[in-house]
Structure formats: C-alpha cells, structure tokens
Amino acid sequence: MTKKGKADGSGAPRGLSLHIGINEVSADAYEGWTGPLAACEADAHDMAALASARGLKATQLITIKATRRNVLRALRAAAKALVAGDLFVLTFSGHGGQVDDVTGDEDEQDDKLDETWCLYDGQLIDDELYLELSRFAQDVRVLVLSDSCHSGTVTRAPDPALVNGRPRQMPRDIARRVYQAHRAFYDELQRDVAKAAGAASVDPDTALANVAVSQRLTAIVKDFKPAVILISGCQDNQFSMDGDHNGAFTGQLLRVWNDGRFKGNHARLHALVRAGLPATQSPNLFTLGPAAEFLQQTPFTI
C-alpha cells in the first residue's frame, strides 16, 4: 500500500487513539440526572495505557472534558490527520441513551429510537458517530470499543432496576425527560446530519451497537472508505455492567489482552472476551467498509 502525506516523509503507518470515560454527566444537560458510575474513568485510563504501549498517540477525555464539542473536535482532527494504512482506536466508557428518530421512514407503531453515547454536556447520536467515521480517508483502520448500553429494542430489555450491579444505561424515564426538554436540539442534529450526508429520510437505527452494512446505513454514506471494526459491550437488548475498577466488558478485554501476550486477530479477541462474560452480557462485533483484511490483524497493531 502506497503511503502519502506523512510529515516525516517515512511513509510508516501511524496510530492515534481517543479514550472517553465519563463517571457522571452534567445535571444541567440531563434534567437533574447525573448518572453516577464508578469505573468509566479507569476504563479510559487503562485503554489509553494499552494504546500507548502499542505505540499509538493517546488522548483522553475524562468526565467534564468529554463534551460534545471536544469529542467531535478530536474525531475530526484524527480524520484529517490520518491516511491510508494508519490506525485510529476509539474507546467509550459511560452511559448509553436514546432519542426519538425523526429522519427515518418508520411505521408509527415501531417506536424507532436513535442510540446515543451520553457525553458530559449532551448526547452524541448514532447518526453523528456514523457520519464522523465516514470522514476518515480510504483504508484508514478504525477500531471502536464501546463499553455502554445501546438497547435499540428497549421494549424487550429488562428493567435496569432488576439487573444486579450498575447498568450503563440511562433509565428510560430519564431518557424521555431529557429528550423532551431538549427535543429541538436533538431533532435538528439529526436533520443536519442527514443534510450533511446528502441523504433524505434515513434511519441508521442502533448504529452504535449495530454498525453493519445495511440499506439504512449506506443511505447516509454510500461510499464508506475507512475499514471500521466495532466491538460493543453487549447485545442491543442487554446491559453493559459497571464495576468497581473496570466495566465488565473493558475488564474482560484487558484480561484477554494480558499486557500484550494475547495472540490472534480481532475475531479471536471478541470471541474470548465474549466467552468470559455471562450470558446476560454478550459483546457484539460488526464491521463497516473494507474491513476484511483489518479483521485478520492483531488488535492495536500500527
């Protein structure tokens, strides 16, 4: 693969990473709810240490620094800096949420929801993440690790109060209250994304937890150039659980990685992480773009 545009002229691949860990959110942005969690900041620190040990230049956005502006700015900076063959690792540890989808062709009885990451001062909608990932250049490799809940089929999910431990899911009543209070903002965000992508009436429902090639996703970006792998913390009708030091997903991933002693590709990493978690939390693996070769590589390899 021919490399272009390297600042040092070496042509060697480079790696950047962004690690987001949010132990609580702003009450002002979430109608009085702060969603306290215990292990998200530690997840970000530990994943940044892993990335740094592999030669990536790691950036952390922790709790109050993990704002919509800072996250979007960091994603766009990475997309601008990286070229074919480079690696970008994005990890998120925090609450997942939902807002009503307003851009999709949905049956009124379907109750479609767009999935979100709960950033400190507001939610990042799945539409936005998908569009930001599409900004990366041809053949940039992107690995996304999401330790949060993204229950698109929320009506089939158990009530968080009935789950042992701390689920990383914004409670349904809070999600509804936040959306209603900030409806104009979130609805306009979705319309802006659809307009920026040159697509009308699109619905990338559950894109965070289900980044797979589909008619709805490709309606936003028809020519998706980077190679993207997403390993999410759970199925779309489950909860990712918090812990005392690490979240269940991140903790198991770190155990499998074993300070770099892990041998295998992304699929094996996913399989071993999944095997070490209970049936109530089964991580998913999805790909988008030309990711077949990327899947066969050892994770975190520049």
Protein backbone atom coordinates (compact mmCIF):
# COMPACT_ATOMS: atom_id res chain seq x y z
CA MET A 1 0.00 0.00 0.00
CA THR A 2 1.46 3.35 -1.04
CA LYS A 3 1.53 5.92 1.73
CA LYS A 4 1.19 9.64 1.09
CA GLY A 5 1.34 12.82 3.08
CA LYS A 6 3.50 11.73 6.04
CA ALA A 7 5.01 14.70 7.81
CA ASP A 8 8.37 12.95 8.28
CA GLY A 9 8.40 11.51 4.77
CA SER A 10 8.97 7.99 6.13
CA GLY A 11 5.73 6.53 4.83
CA ALA A 12 5.44 4.46 8.02
CA PRO A 13 1.89 3.96 9.35
CA ARG A 14 0.95 5.98 12.42
CA GLY A 15 -1.59 5.43 15.18
CA LEU A 16 -3.83 7.77 17.14
CA SER A 17 -6.37 6.93 19.82
CA LEU A 18 -9.14 8.68 21.73
CA HIS A 19 -10.37 7.37 25.08
CA ILE A 20 -13.59 8.70 26.60
CA GLY A 21 -14.51 7.89 30.21
CA ILE A 22 -17.47 9.53 31.94
CA ASN A 23 -18.27 8.76 35.58
CA GLU A 24 -21.10 11.29 35.71
CA VAL A 25 -22.86 13.73 33.40
CA SER A 26 -23.94 17.33 33.84
CA ALA A 27 -27.24 17.74 35.65
CA ASP A 28 -27.94 20.81 33.52
CA ALA A 29 -27.87 18.74 30.32
CA TYR A 30 -29.80 15.77 31.71
CA GLU A 31 -32.66 17.38 33.63
CA GLY A 32 -31.11 16.93 37.08
CA TRP A 33 -29.82 13.39 36.47
CA THR A 34 -26.06 12.87 36.83
CA GLY A 35 -25.92 9.10 36.25
CA PRO A 36 -23.03 8.31 38.61
CA LEU A 37 -20.82 5.39 37.61
CA ALA A 38 -17.64 4.09 39.22
CA ALA A 39 -15.32 2.60 36.63
CA CYS A 40 -15.57 4.61 33.40
CA GLU A 41 -12.65 6.94 34.07
CA ALA A 42 -10.46 3.96 34.97
CA ASP A 43 -11.53 2.24 31.75
CA ALA A 44 -10.34 5.24 29.73
CA HIS A 45 -7.04 5.45 31.62
CA ASP A 46 -6.36 1.74 31.20
CA MET A 47 -7.24 1.70 27.49
CA ALA A 48 -5.05 4.76 26.91
CA ALA A 49 -2.18 2.96 28.64
CA LEU A 50 -2.73 -0.08 26.41
CA ALA A 51 -2.78 2.09 23.28
CA SER A 52 0.35 3.99 24.33
CA ALA A 53 2.19 0.74 24.98
CA ARG A 54 1.38 -0.24 21.38
CA GLY A 55 2.87 2.96 20.02
CA LEU A 56 -0.31 4.99 19.49
CA LYS A 57 -0.52 8.64 20.46
CA ALA A 58 -3.33 8.54 23.02
CA THR A 59 -5.72 11.32 24.01
CA GLN A 60 -8.12 11.09 26.95
CA LEU A 61 -11.35 12.98 27.51
CA ILE A 62 -12.45 12.36 31.09
CA THR A 63 -15.88 13.28 32.51
CA ILE A 64 -16.15 17.11 32.39
CA LYS A 65 -13.74 17.24 29.43
CA ALA A 66 -15.82 14.73 27.48
CA THR A 67 -18.13 17.33 25.96
CA ARG A 68 -19.82 17.14 22.58
CA ARG A 69 -17.51 19.87 21.27
CA ASN A 70 -14.32 18.20 22.48
CA VAL A 71 -15.28 14.74 21.23
CA LEU A 72 -16.32 15.96 17.78
CA ARG A 73 -13.22 18.13 17.51
CA ALA A 74 -10.96 15.17 18.42
CA LEU A 75 -12.68 12.86 15.92
CA ARG A 76 -12.37 15.40 13.12
CA ALA A 77 -8.74 16.11 13.94
CA ALA A 78 -7.93 12.40 13.74
CA ALA A 79 -9.84 12.04 10.46
CA LYS A 80 -7.88 14.95 9.00
CA ALA A 81 -4.50 13.68 10.19
CA LEU A 82 -4.65 10.00 9.21
CA VAL A 83 -4.15 8.48 5.77
CA ALA A 84 -4.43 5.01 4.24
CA GLY A 85 -2.89 2.32 6.42
CA ASP A 86 -2.97 4.38 9.61
CA LEU A 87 -4.82 3.24 12.73
CA PHE A 88 -7.35 5.04 14.91
CA VAL A 89 -8.67 3.49 18.12
CA LEU A 90 -11.76 4.98 19.77
CA THR A 91 -12.94 3.75 23.17
CA PHE A 92 -16.01 4.90 25.06
CA SER A 93 -16.98 4.06 28.62
CA GLY A 94 -20.16 5.57 30.02
CA HIS A 95 -23.93 5.57 29.75
CA GLY A 96 -25.86 4.85 26.58
CA GLY A 97 -29.18 6.52 25.86
CA GLN A 98 -31.87 7.05 23.26
CA VAL A 99 -33.64 9.87 21.46
CA ASP A 100 -36.58 9.66 19.08
CA ASP A 101 -35.62 9.14 15.45
CA VAL A 102 -37.02 11.97 13.31
CA THR A 103 -35.36 11.28 9.96
CA GLY A 104 -36.31 7.66 9.26
CA ASP A 105 -39.08 6.04 7.25
CA GLU A 106 -40.66 4.31 10.21
CA ASP A 107 -44.03 2.85 10.94
CA GLU A 108 -45.78 4.85 13.63
CA GLN A 109 -46.11 1.69 15.69
CA ASP A 110 -42.39 0.86 15.55
CA ASP A 111 -41.27 3.45 18.14
CA LYS A 112 -37.88 3.85 16.44
CA LEU A 113 -35.08 5.26 18.58
CA ASP A 114 -31.65 6.55 17.72
CA GLU A 115 -28.97 5.30 20.09
CA THR A 116 -26.57 7.65 21.84
CA TRP A 117 -23.44 7.98 23.89
CA CYS A 118 -24.14 10.15 26.95
CA LEU A 119 -21.35 12.71 26.81
CA TYR A 120 -20.90 15.12 29.70
CA ASP A 121 -22.96 18.01 28.31
CA GLY A 122 -25.24 16.22 25.87
CA GLN A 123 -25.75 13.07 23.85
CA LEU A 124 -23.86 12.04 20.71
CA ILE A 125 -26.38 10.44 18.37
CA ASP A 126 -25.54 7.33 16.37
CA ASP A 127 -26.15 9.26 13.14
CA GLU A 128 -23.39 11.67 14.13
CA LEU A 129 -20.90 8.95 15.01
CA TYR A 130 -21.54 7.16 11.72
CA LEU A 131 -21.04 10.38 9.76
CA GLU A 132 -17.85 11.26 11.67
CA LEU A 133 -16.39 7.81 11.00
CA SER A 134 -17.14 8.26 7.30
CA ARG A 135 -14.81 11.29 7.25
CA PHE A 136 -11.74 9.07 7.64
CA ALA A 137 -9.74 8.50 4.46
CA GLN A 138 -9.72 5.42 2.28
CA ASP A 139 -8.23 2.39 4.05
CA VAL A 140 -7.67 4.07 7.42
CA ARG A 141 -8.26 1.36 10.02
CA VAL A 142 -10.67 2.31 12.82
CA LEU A 143 -11.32 0.17 15.91
CA VAL A 144 -14.22 1.26 18.14
CA LEU A 145 -14.68 -0.30 21.59
CA SER A 146 -17.91 0.77 23.28
CA ASP A 147 -18.46 -0.20 26.93
CA SER A 148 -22.01 1.10 27.33
CA CYS A 149 -25.61 0.06 26.79
CA HIS A 150 -27.26 0.63 23.42
CA SER A 151 -30.65 -1.05 23.61
CA GLY A 152 -32.38 -0.20 20.36
CA THR A 153 -35.10 -2.70 21.18
CA VAL A 154 -35.60 -1.14 24.58
CA THR A 155 -39.12 -2.52 24.96
CA ARG A 156 -37.62 -6.02 25.06
CA ALA A 157 -34.88 -5.14 27.53
CA PRO A 158 -35.12 -5.88 31.24
CA ASP A 159 -35.73 -3.02 33.61
CA PRO A 160 -32.36 -1.72 34.87
CA ALA A 161 -33.66 -1.89 38.44
CA LEU A 162 -33.92 -5.67 38.07
CA VAL A 163 -30.32 -6.11 36.94
CA ASN A 164 -27.62 -6.82 39.52
CA GLY A 165 -24.93 -4.14 39.67
CA ARG A 166 -24.86 -0.79 37.84
CA PRO A 167 -26.03 -0.91 34.21
CA ARG A 168 -24.52 1.67 31.89
CA GLN A 169 -27.88 2.70 30.51
CA MET A 170 -29.69 5.98 31.04
CA PRO A 171 -33.04 4.99 32.63
CA ARG A 172 -35.99 5.13 30.24
CA ASP A 173 -37.88 7.79 32.16
CA ILE A 174 -34.78 10.00 32.33
CA ALA A 175 -34.09 9.47 28.62
CA ARG A 176 -37.64 10.55 27.79
CA ARG A 177 -37.44 13.58 30.07
CA VAL A 178 -34.10 14.69 28.62
CA TYR A 179 -35.31 14.27 25.06
CA GLN A 180 -38.50 16.21 25.65
CA ALA A 181 -36.61 19.06 27.33
CA HIS A 182 -34.05 19.29 24.51
CA ARG A 183 -36.14 18.00 21.63
CA ALA A 184 -35.49 20.89 19.28
CA PHE A 185 -31.72 20.44 19.67
CA TYR A 186 -31.65 16.68 19.09
CA ASP A 187 -34.18 16.76 16.25
CA GLU A 188 -32.21 19.46 14.46
CA LEU A 189 -28.99 17.48 14.95
CA GLN A 190 -30.49 14.52 13.12
CA ARG A 191 -31.73 16.70 10.27
CA ASP A 192 -28.34 18.39 10.00
CA VAL A 193 -26.59 15.01 9.76
CA ALA A 194 -28.98 13.84 7.05
CA LYS A 195 -28.46 17.09 5.14
CA ALA A 196 -24.67 16.95 5.50
CA ALA A 197 -24.66 13.40 4.22
CA GLY A 198 -26.79 14.34 1.24
CA ALA A 199 -29.47 11.88 2.23
CA ALA A 200 -33.10 12.50 2.93
CA SER A 201 -35.16 10.31 5.22
CA VAL A 202 -32.54 7.97 6.65
CA ASP A 203 -32.55 5.88 9.78
CA PRO A 204 -29.23 4.43 10.98
CA ASP A 205 -31.06 2.93 13.96
CA THR A 206 -28.75 1.36 16.55
CA ALA A 207 -25.65 2.27 14.54
CA LEU A 208 -23.50 2.41 17.68
CA ALA A 209 -24.41 -1.12 18.69
CA ASN A 210 -25.01 -2.45 15.19
CA VAL A 211 -22.53 -0.92 12.77
CA ALA A 212 -23.17 -3.31 9.90
CA VAL A 213 -23.67 -2.73 6.20
CA SER A 214 -27.38 -2.15 5.64
CA GLN A 215 -29.65 -0.18 3.36
CA ARG A 216 -30.32 2.37 6.11
CA LEU A 217 -26.66 2.92 6.95
CA THR A 218 -25.48 3.12 3.35
CA ALA A 219 -28.21 5.65 2.69
CA ILE A 220 -26.18 8.11 4.75
CA VAL A 221 -22.75 7.42 3.25
CA LYS A 222 -22.90 5.38 0.08
CA ASP A 223 -19.11 5.08 -0.28
CA PHE A 224 -17.73 4.25 3.16
CA LYS A 225 -13.95 4.41 2.76
CA PRO A 226 -12.31 3.53 6.12
CA ALA A 227 -12.17 -0.02 7.48
CA VAL A 228 -14.16 0.02 10.73
CA ILE A 229 -14.48 -2.66 13.41
CA LEU A 230 -16.84 -2.09 16.33
CA ILE A 231 -16.86 -4.34 19.37
CA SER A 232 -19.68 -3.27 21.67
CA GLY A 233 -20.18 -4.23 25.28
CA CYS A 234 -23.44 -6.12 24.86
CA GLN A 235 -26.31 -7.09 22.57
CA ASP A 236 -28.93 -4.47 21.80
CA ASN A 237 -31.35 -5.94 24.34
CA GLN A 238 -28.81 -6.29 27.16
CA PHE A 239 -26.93 -4.05 29.57
CA SER A 240 -23.21 -3.39 29.90
CA MET A 241 -22.39 -3.54 33.58
CA ASP A 242 -20.24 -1.14 35.58
CA GLY A 243 -17.70 -2.39 38.14
CA ASP A 244 -15.51 -1.22 40.98
CA HIS A 245 -12.43 -0.62 38.84
CA ASN A 246 -13.32 -1.53 35.25
CA GLY A 247 -16.58 -2.14 33.47
CA ALA A 248 -17.32 -5.82 32.90
CA PHE A 249 -16.53 -5.57 29.18
CA THR A 250 -13.36 -3.50 29.50
CA GLY A 251 -12.10 -5.59 32.41
CA GLN A 252 -12.52 -8.81 30.46
CA LEU A 253 -10.88 -7.29 27.38
CA LEU A 254 -7.86 -6.27 29.45
CA ARG A 255 -7.62 -9.77 30.93
CA VAL A 256 -7.73 -11.33 27.47
CA TRP A 257 -5.17 -8.83 26.16
CA ASN A 258 -2.93 -9.80 29.09
CA ASP A 259 -0.44 -6.95 28.73
CA GLY A 260 0.14 -7.78 25.08
CA ARG A 261 0.54 -11.52 25.48
CA PHE A 262 -2.67 -12.12 23.52
CA LYS A 263 -2.16 -13.93 20.23
CA GLY A 264 -4.75 -13.73 17.50
CA ASN A 265 -6.90 -11.38 15.44
CA HIS A 266 -9.90 -9.16 16.19
CA ALA A 267 -12.36 -12.01 15.82
CA ARG A 268 -10.46 -14.12 18.37
CA LEU A 269 -10.25 -11.17 20.77
CA HIS A 270 -14.01 -10.71 20.52
CA ALA A 271 -14.66 -14.42 20.99
CA LEU A 272 -12.51 -14.68 24.12
CA VAL A 273 -13.98 -11.52 25.64
CA ARG A 274 -17.47 -12.79 24.98
CA ALA A 275 -16.66 -16.22 26.42
CA GLY A 276 -15.53 -14.63 29.69
CA LEU A 277 -18.75 -12.71 30.29
CA PRO A 278 -22.13 -14.03 31.46
CA ALA A 279 -24.90 -14.83 29.01
CA THR A 280 -26.64 -11.64 30.13
CA GLN A 281 -23.86 -9.57 28.54
CA SER A 282 -22.67 -10.83 25.16
CA PRO A 283 -20.46 -8.38 23.22
CA ASN A 284 -21.12 -7.86 19.52
CA LEU A 285 -18.65 -7.46 16.66
CA PHE A 286 -19.54 -5.57 13.49
CA THR A 287 -17.60 -4.26 10.53
CA LEU A 288 -18.13 -1.49 8.05
CA GLY A 289 -16.26 -0.62 4.89
CA PRO A 290 -13.31 -2.66 3.52
CA ALA A 291 -12.56 -4.36 6.84
CA ALA A 292 -11.87 -7.98 5.84
CA GLU A 293 -8.07 -7.63 5.99
CA PHE A 294 -8.25 -5.49 9.13
CA LEU A 295 -10.24 -8.22 10.90
CA GLN A 296 -7.37 -10.67 10.42
CA GLN A 297 -4.80 -8.38 12.02
CA THR A 298 -3.70 -8.40 15.65
CA PRO A 299 -5.61 -5.69 17.53
CA PHE A 300 -3.88 -2.39 18.32
CA THR A 301 -1.19 -3.01 15.69
CA ILE A 302 0.00 0.06 13.82
